[in-house]
């Protein structure tokens, strides 16, 4: 496998590790607020994180994403 956009910082935020072995997570490149929701089997998630040298969201990024998601949900953006 190859690394996506190797010059950019990449982040993940685990939303849920499901009983069926899948991991639901947010993936961001560059800035946390611009993210996509993904789901992978646990082993593939670990490989994805290693291949892309990801960092986990900081508490500040967690808050930023939470606020942004709420704004979208209620049509504030």
C-alpha atoms as a PDB file:
ATOM      1  CA  UNK A   1       0.000   0.000   0.000  1.00  0.00           C
ATOM      2  CA  UNK A   2       1.138   3.581  -0.439  1.00  0.00           C
ATOM      3  CA  UNK A   3       0.828   6.760   1.586  1.00  0.00           C
ATOM      4  CA  UNK A   4      -1.787   9.312   0.545  1.00  0.00           C
ATOM      5  CA  UNK A   5      -0.352  12.812   0.080  1.00  0.00           C
ATOM      6  CA  UNK A   6       2.964  12.123   1.881  1.00  0.00           C
ATOM      7  CA  UNK A   7       3.783  15.813   2.433  1.00  0.00           C
ATOM      8  CA  UNK A   8       0.547  16.505   4.348  1.00  0.00           C
ATOM      9  CA  UNK A   9      -0.242  15.849   8.026  1.00  0.00           C
ATOM     10  CA  UNK A  10      -3.015  13.273   8.450  1.00  0.00           C
ATOM     11  CA  UNK A  11      -5.310  12.637  11.408  1.00  0.00           C
ATOM     12  CA  UNK A  12      -7.827  10.045  12.575  1.00  0.00           C
ATOM     13  CA  UNK A  13     -10.545  10.183  15.197  1.00  0.00           C
ATOM     14  CA  UNK A  14     -12.015   6.827  16.205  1.00  0.00           C
ATOM     15  CA  UNK A  15     -15.767   7.098  16.536  1.00  0.00           C
ATOM     16  CA  UNK A  16     -16.525   3.464  17.400  1.00  0.00           C
ATOM     17  CA  UNK A  17     -14.915   0.042  17.473  1.00  0.00           C
ATOM     18  CA  UNK A  18     -17.874  -2.164  16.649  1.00  0.00           C
ATOM     19  CA  UNK A  19     -18.628  -5.658  17.942  1.00  0.00           C
ATOM     20  CA  UNK A  20     -18.424  -6.991  14.381  1.00  0.00           C
ATOM     21  CA  UNK A  21     -14.740  -6.002  14.155  1.00  0.00           C
ATOM     22  CA  UNK A  22     -15.107  -2.808  12.137  1.00  0.00           C
ATOM     23  CA  UNK A  23     -13.701   0.586  13.120  1.00  0.00           C
ATOM     24  CA  UNK A  24     -15.694   3.718  12.316  1.00  0.00           C
ATOM     25  CA  UNK A  25     -13.456   6.772  12.158  1.00  0.00           C
ATOM     26  CA  UNK A  26     -12.970  10.258  10.794  1.00  0.00           C
ATOM     27  CA  UNK A  27      -9.969  10.851   8.536  1.00  0.00           C
ATOM     28  CA  UNK A  28      -8.567  14.296   7.840  1.00  0.00           C
ATOM     29  CA  UNK A  29      -5.721  15.660   5.759  1.00  0.00           C
ATOM     30  CA  UNK A  30      -4.304  19.027   6.782  1.00  0.00           C
ATOM     31  CA  UNK A  31      -7.114  20.282   9.017  1.00  0.00           C
ATOM     32  CA  UNK A  32      -9.477  18.348  11.250  1.00  0.00           C
ATOM     33  CA  UNK A  33     -12.699  20.127  10.254  1.00  0.00           C
ATOM     34  CA  UNK A  34     -12.359  18.877   6.679  1.00  0.00           C
ATOM     35  CA  UNK A  35     -12.767  15.151   7.275  1.00  0.00           C
ATOM     36  CA  UNK A  36     -14.519  12.101   5.925  1.00  0.00           C
ATOM     37  CA  UNK A  37     -16.167   9.288   7.820  1.00  0.00           C
ATOM     38  CA  UNK A  38     -14.728   5.884   6.972  1.00  0.00           C
ATOM     39  CA  UNK A  39     -15.195   2.307   8.139  1.00  0.00           C
ATOM     40  CA  UNK A  40     -12.654  -0.502   7.862  1.00  0.00           C
ATOM     41  CA  UNK A  41     -12.090  -3.893   9.416  1.00  0.00           C
ATOM     42  CA  UNK A  42      -9.803  -3.530  12.448  1.00  0.00           C
ATOM     43  CA  UNK A  43      -6.702  -5.000  10.744  1.00  0.00           C
ATOM     44  CA  UNK A  44      -7.173  -2.810   7.654  1.00  0.00           C
ATOM     45  CA  UNK A  45      -7.624   0.246   9.920  1.00  0.00           C
ATOM     46  CA  UNK A  46      -4.277  -0.447  11.610  1.00  0.00           C
ATOM     47  CA  UNK A  47      -2.578  -0.853   8.223  1.00  0.00           C
ATOM     48  CA  UNK A  48      -4.236   2.338   6.934  1.00  0.00           C
ATOM     49  CA  UNK A  49      -2.954   4.290   9.956  1.00  0.00           C
ATOM     50  CA  UNK A  50       0.575   2.892   9.612  1.00  0.00           C
ATOM     51  CA  UNK A  51       0.756   3.462   5.848  1.00  0.00           C
ATOM     52  CA  UNK A  52      -0.418   7.053   6.196  1.00  0.00           C
ATOM     53  CA  UNK A  53       1.554   7.871   9.366  1.00  0.00           C
ATOM     54  CA  UNK A  54      -1.551   9.347  10.993  1.00  0.00           C
ATOM     55  CA  UNK A  55      -1.849  11.152  14.308  1.00  0.00           C
ATOM     56  CA  UNK A  56      -4.921  11.045  16.498  1.00  0.00           C
ATOM     57  CA  UNK A  57      -7.003  14.204  16.796  1.00  0.00           C
ATOM     58  CA  UNK A  58      -5.983  16.447  19.678  1.00  0.00           C
ATOM     59  CA  UNK A  59      -8.616  17.566  22.209  1.00  0.00           C
ATOM     60  CA  UNK A  60      -8.755  20.911  20.389  1.00  0.00           C
ATOM     61  CA  UNK A  61      -9.367  19.173  17.056  1.00  0.00           C
ATOM     62  CA  UNK A  62     -12.035  16.956  18.675  1.00  0.00           C
ATOM     63  CA  UNK A  63     -13.823  20.097  19.868  1.00  0.00           C
ATOM     64  CA  UNK A  64     -13.451  21.807  16.480  1.00  0.00           C
ATOM     65  CA  UNK A  65     -14.984  18.816  14.675  1.00  0.00           C
ATOM     66  CA  UNK A  66     -17.815  18.503  17.211  1.00  0.00           C
ATOM     67  CA  UNK A  67     -18.747  22.175  16.788  1.00  0.00           C
ATOM     68  CA  UNK A  68     -18.501  21.971  12.999  1.00  0.00           C
ATOM     69  CA  UNK A  69     -20.680  18.833  12.886  1.00  0.00           C
ATOM     70  CA  UNK A  70     -23.307  20.462  15.105  1.00  0.00           C
ATOM     71  CA  UNK A  71     -23.312  23.563  12.899  1.00  0.00           C
ATOM     72  CA  UNK A  72     -23.908  21.413   9.806  1.00  0.00           C
ATOM     73  CA  UNK A  73     -26.607  19.413  11.565  1.00  0.00           C
ATOM     74  CA  UNK A  74     -28.565  22.537  12.489  1.00  0.00           C
ATOM     75  CA  UNK A  75     -27.876  24.397   9.229  1.00  0.00           C
ATOM     76  CA  UNK A  76     -25.703  27.113  10.743  1.00  0.00           C
ATOM     77  CA  UNK A  77     -22.962  26.843   8.073  1.00  0.00           C
END
